[in-house]
Amino acid sequence: MTFLIIIKSIYLSKYAVPLRVVATLKLSGQNQSSCWPLGEYCMKHRGIVLAALTGICAAFSVNSSAHHSFSAEFDENNCRDFTGILTDVDWQNPHAFFYMDVLDENGEVHNWSFQTYALITLKRAGTGLDYFKRNIGKEVWVRGCLAKNGRDYYASAGLMRAEDGQLRQMGQIQN
């Protein structure tokens, strides 16, 4: 069984205006046609017509990346505590990122990047951009899990405590 949709158009200035859409279904070597959307044939076989239109729309749709789960990117068995100076925040969808200067065991300072929940989730929990801005340049504590891909100085933030002493949930809570 084959199905074909033909769109005939005229052009008025810069807009293409469909004049008539003809649906053709080939059944056992016979062609049956009808004008869309009122034709009797299209009404009887609207499931096929709808499936074909859905397929066409899907073929021309824009590619979008799917959202990832926590466990796809971060190792819940490789979590640790970080203490350092909050240096910056990147407040954009789908996740906010904040940056901290953290002193390692050799006395070297590294700028770590931490991914948070989605912005709407942070806002609903009472943590907005102003919270991060108020704490830039101040010492904060973060519980985070390292990236699975081995990316240096990158983790998911689970919990955060700034100088106000309040423990805030920034992402999925880890062990």
C-alpha atoms as a PDB file:
ATOM      1  CA  MET A   1       0.000   0.000   0.000  1.00  0.00           C
ATOM      2  CA  THR A   2       1.413   3.395  -0.932  1.00  0.00           C
ATOM      3  CA  PHE A   3       0.148   6.800   0.046  1.00  0.00           C
ATOM      4  CA  LEU A   4       0.954  10.080  -1.652  1.00  0.00           C
ATOM      5  CA  ILE A   5      -0.068  13.630  -0.824  1.00  0.00           C
ATOM      6  CA  ILE A   6       0.253  16.301  -3.497  1.00  0.00           C
ATOM      7  CA  ILE A   7       0.034  19.964  -2.538  1.00  0.00           C
ATOM      8  CA  LYS A   8      -0.716  22.419  -5.327  1.00  0.00           C
ATOM      9  CA  SER A   9       0.043  26.047  -4.448  1.00  0.00           C
ATOM     10  CA  ILE A  10      -0.196  29.521  -5.859  1.00  0.00           C
ATOM     11  CA  TYR A  11       2.060  32.331  -4.751  1.00  0.00           C
ATOM     12  CA  LEU A  12       0.639  35.593  -3.486  1.00  0.00           C
ATOM     13  CA  SER A  13       3.456  38.037  -2.775  1.00  0.00           C
ATOM     14  CA  LYS A  14       5.789  36.190  -0.371  1.00  0.00           C
ATOM     15  CA  TYR A  15       3.282  33.615   0.918  1.00  0.00           C
ATOM     16  CA  ALA A  16       2.503  30.232  -0.603  1.00  0.00           C
ATOM     17  CA  VAL A  17      -1.209  29.502  -0.300  1.00  0.00           C
ATOM     18  CA  PRO A  18      -2.310  25.880  -0.758  1.00  0.00           C
ATOM     19  CA  LEU A  19      -5.084  25.634  -3.344  1.00  0.00           C
ATOM     20  CA  ARG A  20      -5.853  21.975  -3.093  1.00  0.00           C
ATOM     21  CA  VAL A  21      -4.345  18.920  -1.459  1.00  0.00           C
ATOM     22  CA  VAL A  22      -4.952  15.651  -3.234  1.00  0.00           C
ATOM     23  CA  ALA A  23      -4.589  12.399  -1.332  1.00  0.00           C
ATOM     24  CA  THR A  24      -3.872   9.336  -3.438  1.00  0.00           C
ATOM     25  CA  LEU A  25      -3.930   5.807  -2.070  1.00  0.00           C
ATOM     26  CA  LYS A  26      -2.823   2.892  -4.187  1.00  0.00           C
ATOM     27  CA  LEU A  27      -4.760  -0.254  -3.289  1.00  0.00           C
ATOM     28  CA  SER A  28      -4.306  -3.392  -5.358  1.00  0.00           C
ATOM     29  CA  GLY A  29      -3.054  -1.385  -8.300  1.00  0.00           C
ATOM     30  CA  GLN A  30      -6.007   1.049  -8.267  1.00  0.00           C
ATOM     31  CA  ASN A  31      -5.661   4.748  -7.529  1.00  0.00           C
ATOM     32  CA  GLN A  32      -8.354   6.473  -5.540  1.00  0.00           C
ATOM     33  CA  SER A  33      -8.224  10.241  -5.114  1.00  0.00           C
ATOM     34  CA  SER A  34     -10.210  12.792  -3.246  1.00  0.00           C
ATOM     35  CA  CYS A  35      -9.844  16.437  -2.296  1.00  0.00           C
ATOM     36  CA  TRP A  36      -8.681  17.122   1.218  1.00  0.00           C
ATOM     37  CA  PRO A  37     -10.296  17.507   3.739  1.00  0.00           C
ATOM     38  CA  LEU A  38     -13.889  16.937   2.615  1.00  0.00           C
ATOM     39  CA  GLY A  39     -13.508  13.988   0.268  1.00  0.00           C
ATOM     40  CA  GLU A  40     -15.321  10.807   1.197  1.00  0.00           C
ATOM     41  CA  TYR A  41     -12.232   8.679   0.677  1.00  0.00           C
ATOM     42  CA  CYS A  42     -10.122  10.781   3.050  1.00  0.00           C
ATOM     43  CA  MET A  43     -12.861  10.647   5.655  1.00  0.00           C
ATOM     44  CA  LYS A  44     -13.064   6.849   5.448  1.00  0.00           C
ATOM     45  CA  HIS A  45      -9.301   6.498   5.712  1.00  0.00           C
ATOM     46  CA  ARG A  46      -8.480   9.442   7.957  1.00  0.00           C
ATOM     47  CA  GLY A  47      -6.184   7.258  10.092  1.00  0.00           C
ATOM     48  CA  ILE A  48      -3.922   6.627   7.111  1.00  0.00           C
ATOM     49  CA  VAL A  49      -4.073  10.278   6.082  1.00  0.00           C
ATOM     50  CA  LEU A  50      -3.265  11.391   9.628  1.00  0.00           C
ATOM     51  CA  ALA A  51      -0.380   8.904   9.878  1.00  0.00           C
ATOM     52  CA  ALA A  52       1.059  10.164   6.595  1.00  0.00           C
ATOM     53  CA  LEU A  53       0.816  13.804   7.660  1.00  0.00           C
ATOM     54  CA  THR A  54       2.402  12.967  11.014  1.00  0.00           C
ATOM     55  CA  GLY A  55       5.258  11.224   9.213  1.00  0.00           C
ATOM     56  CA  ILE A  56       5.794  14.203   6.949  1.00  0.00           C
ATOM     57  CA  CYS A  57       5.841  16.587   9.902  1.00  0.00           C
ATOM     58  CA  ALA A  58       8.287  14.333  11.765  1.00  0.00           C
ATOM     59  CA  ALA A  59      10.575  14.160   8.734  1.00  0.00           C
ATOM     60  CA  PHE A  60      10.869  17.936   8.606  1.00  0.00           C
ATOM     61  CA  SER A  61      10.989  18.608  12.333  1.00  0.00           C
ATOM     62  CA  VAL A  62      13.980  20.298  13.934  1.00  0.00           C
ATOM     63  CA  ASN A  63      16.313  18.057  15.870  1.00  0.00           C
ATOM     64  CA  SER A  64      16.297  18.699  19.619  1.00  0.00           C
ATOM     65  CA  SER A  65      18.438  17.167  22.294  1.00  0.00           C
ATOM     66  CA  ALA A  66      16.768  15.105  24.965  1.00  0.00           C
ATOM     67  CA  HIS A  67      17.173  15.870  28.605  1.00  0.00           C
ATOM     68  CA  HIS A  68      19.554  13.605  30.489  1.00  0.00           C
ATOM     69  CA  SER A  69      19.149  11.885  33.811  1.00  0.00           C
ATOM     70  CA  PHE A  70      21.462  12.556  36.734  1.00  0.00           C
ATOM     71  CA  SER A  71      22.963   9.057  36.553  1.00  0.00           C
ATOM     72  CA  ALA A  72      23.733   9.414  32.838  1.00  0.00           C
ATOM     73  CA  GLU A  73      26.190  12.231  33.488  1.00  0.00           C
ATOM     74  CA  PHE A  74      27.248  12.062  37.139  1.00  0.00           C
ATOM     75  CA  ASP A  75      28.592   9.286  39.361  1.00  0.00           C
ATOM     76  CA  GLU A  76      26.462   8.971  42.498  1.00  0.00           C
ATOM     77  CA  ASN A  77      29.162   6.768  44.036  1.00  0.00           C
ATOM     78  CA  ASN A  78      31.837   9.447  43.597  1.00  0.00           C
ATOM     79  CA  CYS A  79      30.533  12.357  45.677  1.00  0.00           C
ATOM     80  CA  ARG A  80      32.484  14.664  47.926  1.00  0.00           C
ATOM     81  CA  ASP A  81      32.361  17.912  49.874  1.00  0.00           C
ATOM     82  CA  PHE A  82      33.788  21.126  48.426  1.00  0.00           C
ATOM     83  CA  THR A  83      34.569  24.339  50.277  1.00  0.00           C
ATOM     84  CA  GLY A  84      35.647  27.396  48.349  1.00  0.00           C
ATOM     85  CA  ILE A  85      34.883  30.900  47.141  1.00  0.00           C
ATOM     86  CA  LEU A  86      31.853  31.357  44.879  1.00  0.00           C
ATOM     87  CA  THR A  87      33.177  33.186  41.794  1.00  0.00           C
ATOM     88  CA  ASP A  88      30.387  33.281  39.215  1.00  0.00           C
ATOM     89  CA  VAL A  89      26.941  32.028  38.201  1.00  0.00           C
ATOM     90  CA  ASP A  90      25.574  31.181  34.751  1.00  0.00           C
ATOM     91  CA  TRP A  91      21.788  31.476  35.014  1.00  0.00           C
ATOM     92  CA  GLN A  92      20.386  29.967  31.806  1.00  0.00           C
ATOM     93  CA  ASN A  93      18.073  27.130  30.823  1.00  0.00           C
ATOM     94  CA  PRO A  94      17.942  24.256  31.198  1.00  0.00           C
ATOM     95  CA  HIS A  95      20.325  24.287  34.203  1.00  0.00           C
ATOM     96  CA  ALA A  96      22.132  26.940  36.161  1.00  0.00           C
ATOM     97  CA  PHE A  97      25.862  26.560  36.701  1.00  0.00           C
ATOM     98  CA  PHE A  98      27.906  28.163  39.433  1.00  0.00           C
ATOM     99  CA  TYR A  99      31.660  28.333  39.799  1.00  0.00           C
ATOM    100  CA  MET A 100      33.889  28.056  42.850  1.00  0.00           C
ATOM    101  CA  ASP A 101      37.590  28.442  43.488  1.00  0.00           C
ATOM    102  CA  VAL A 102      38.517  25.339  45.484  1.00  0.00           C
ATOM    103  CA  LEU A 103      41.901  24.731  47.118  1.00  0.00           C
ATOM    104  CA  ASP A 104      43.146  21.159  46.525  1.00  0.00           C
ATOM    105  CA  GLU A 105      45.346  19.062  48.836  1.00  0.00           C
ATOM    106  CA  ASN A 106      48.507  20.371  47.066  1.00  0.00           C
ATOM    107  CA  GLY A 107      47.601  24.000  47.764  1.00  0.00           C
ATOM    108  CA  GLU A 108      46.558  24.743  44.164  1.00  0.00           C
ATOM    109  CA  VAL A 109      43.338  26.629  43.411  1.00  0.00           C
ATOM    110  CA  HIS A 110      41.025  25.186  40.736  1.00  0.00           C
ATOM    111  CA  ASN A 111      37.844  26.777  39.428  1.00  0.00           C
ATOM    112  CA  TRP A 112      35.118  24.126  39.669  1.00  0.00           C
ATOM    113  CA  SER A 113      31.878  24.205  37.688  1.00  0.00           C
ATOM    114  CA  PHE A 114      28.714  22.854  39.358  1.00  0.00           C
ATOM    115  CA  GLN A 115      25.462  22.030  37.592  1.00  0.00           C
ATOM    116  CA  THR A 116      22.168  22.583  39.443  1.00  0.00           C
ATOM    117  CA  TYR A 117      18.532  21.641  39.037  1.00  0.00           C
ATOM    118  CA  ALA A 118      16.492  23.336  36.320  1.00  0.00           C
ATOM    119  CA  LEU A 119      15.924  27.043  36.969  1.00  0.00           C
ATOM    120  CA  ILE A 120      12.202  26.632  37.630  1.00  0.00           C
ATOM    121  CA  THR A 121      12.922  23.960  40.253  1.00  0.00           C
ATOM    122  CA  LEU A 122      15.414  26.237  42.025  1.00  0.00           C
ATOM    123  CA  LYS A 123      12.969  29.154  41.929  1.00  0.00           C
ATOM    124  CA  ARG A 124      10.124  27.034  43.329  1.00  0.00           C
ATOM    125  CA  ALA A 125      12.404  25.999  46.185  1.00  0.00           C
ATOM    126  CA  GLY A 126      13.145  29.656  46.937  1.00  0.00           C
ATOM    127  CA  THR A 127      16.622  29.864  45.412  1.00  0.00           C
ATOM    128  CA  GLY A 128      16.908  32.530  42.732  1.00  0.00           C
ATOM    129  CA  LEU A 129      19.690  34.305  40.901  1.00  0.00           C
ATOM    130  CA  ASP A 130      19.854  36.896  43.688  1.00  0.00           C
ATOM    131  CA  TYR A 131      20.961  34.179  46.158  1.00  0.00           C
ATOM    132  CA  PHE A 132      24.021  33.419  44.047  1.00  0.00           C
ATOM    133  CA  LYS A 133      24.819  37.085  43.362  1.00  0.00           C
ATOM    134  CA  ARG A 134      24.698  37.873  47.112  1.00  0.00           C
ATOM    135  CA  ASN A 135      27.231  35.147  47.775  1.00  0.00           C
ATOM    136  CA  ILE A 136      29.780  35.804  45.008  1.00  0.00           C
ATOM    137  CA  GLY A 137      33.158  36.377  46.638  1.00  0.00           C
ATOM    138  CA  LYS A 138      32.095  34.539  49.793  1.00  0.00           C
ATOM    139  CA  GLU A 139      32.934  31.089  51.093  1.00  0.00           C
ATOM    140  CA  VAL A 140      30.368  28.348  50.383  1.00  0.00           C
ATOM    141  CA  TRP A 141      30.159  24.618  51.016  1.00  0.00           C
ATOM    142  CA  VAL A 142      28.822  22.202  48.375  1.00  0.00           C
ATOM    143  CA  ARG A 143      28.145  18.465  48.350  1.00  0.00           C
ATOM    144  CA  GLY A 144      28.555  17.298  44.756  1.00  0.00           C
ATOM    145  CA  CYS A 145      29.095  14.260  42.551  1.00  0.00           C
ATOM    146  CA  LEU A 146      31.818  14.153  39.919  1.00  0.00           C
ATOM    147  CA  ALA A 147      31.156  13.732  36.199  1.00  0.00           C
ATOM    148  CA  LYS A 148      31.295  10.190  34.838  1.00  0.00           C
ATOM    149  CA  ASN A 149      33.196  11.232  31.721  1.00  0.00           C
ATOM    150  CA  GLY A 150      36.214  12.292  33.784  1.00  0.00           C
ATOM    151  CA  ARG A 151      35.878  15.989  32.920  1.00  0.00           C
ATOM    152  CA  ASP A 152      38.152  17.913  35.264  1.00  0.00           C
ATOM    153  CA  TYR A 153      36.663  20.286  37.824  1.00  0.00           C
ATOM    154  CA  TYR A 154      33.028  19.547  36.960  1.00  0.00           C
ATOM    155  CA  ALA A 155      30.345  18.155  39.260  1.00  0.00           C
ATOM    156  CA  SER A 156      26.650  18.152  40.015  1.00  0.00           C
ATOM    157  CA  ALA A 157      25.700  20.183  43.057  1.00  0.00           C
ATOM    158  CA  GLY A 158      23.401  18.394  45.478  1.00  0.00           C
ATOM    159  CA  LEU A 159      23.468  20.611  48.554  1.00  0.00           C
ATOM    160  CA  MET A 160      24.887  24.077  49.185  1.00  0.00           C
ATOM    161  CA  ARG A 161      25.424  26.179  52.294  1.00  0.00           C
ATOM    162  CA  ALA A 162      26.456  29.823  52.143  1.00  0.00           C
ATOM    163  CA  GLU A 163      27.277  32.207  55.000  1.00  0.00           C
ATOM    164  CA  ASP A 164      23.598  32.439  56.038  1.00  0.00           C
ATOM    165  CA  GLY A 165      24.004  28.842  57.249  1.00  0.00           C
ATOM    166  CA  GLN A 166      20.885  27.584  55.464  1.00  0.00           C
ATOM    167  CA  LEU A 167      21.299  24.256  53.672  1.00  0.00           C
ATOM    168  CA  ARG A 168      19.767  24.507  50.185  1.00  0.00           C
ATOM    169  CA  GLN A 169      19.057  21.735  47.758  1.00  0.00           C
ATOM    170  CA  MET A 170      20.693  22.528  44.387  1.00  0.00           C
ATOM    171  CA  GLY A 171      20.252  19.166  42.687  1.00  0.00           C
ATOM    172  CA  GLN A 172      19.668  15.514  43.253  1.00  0.00           C
ATOM    173  CA  ILE A 173      20.740  14.603  46.769  1.00  0.00           C
ATOM    174  CA  GLN A 174      23.541  12.084  46.783  1.00  0.00           C
ATOM    175  CA  ASN A 175      24.812   9.658  49.396  1.00  0.00           C
END
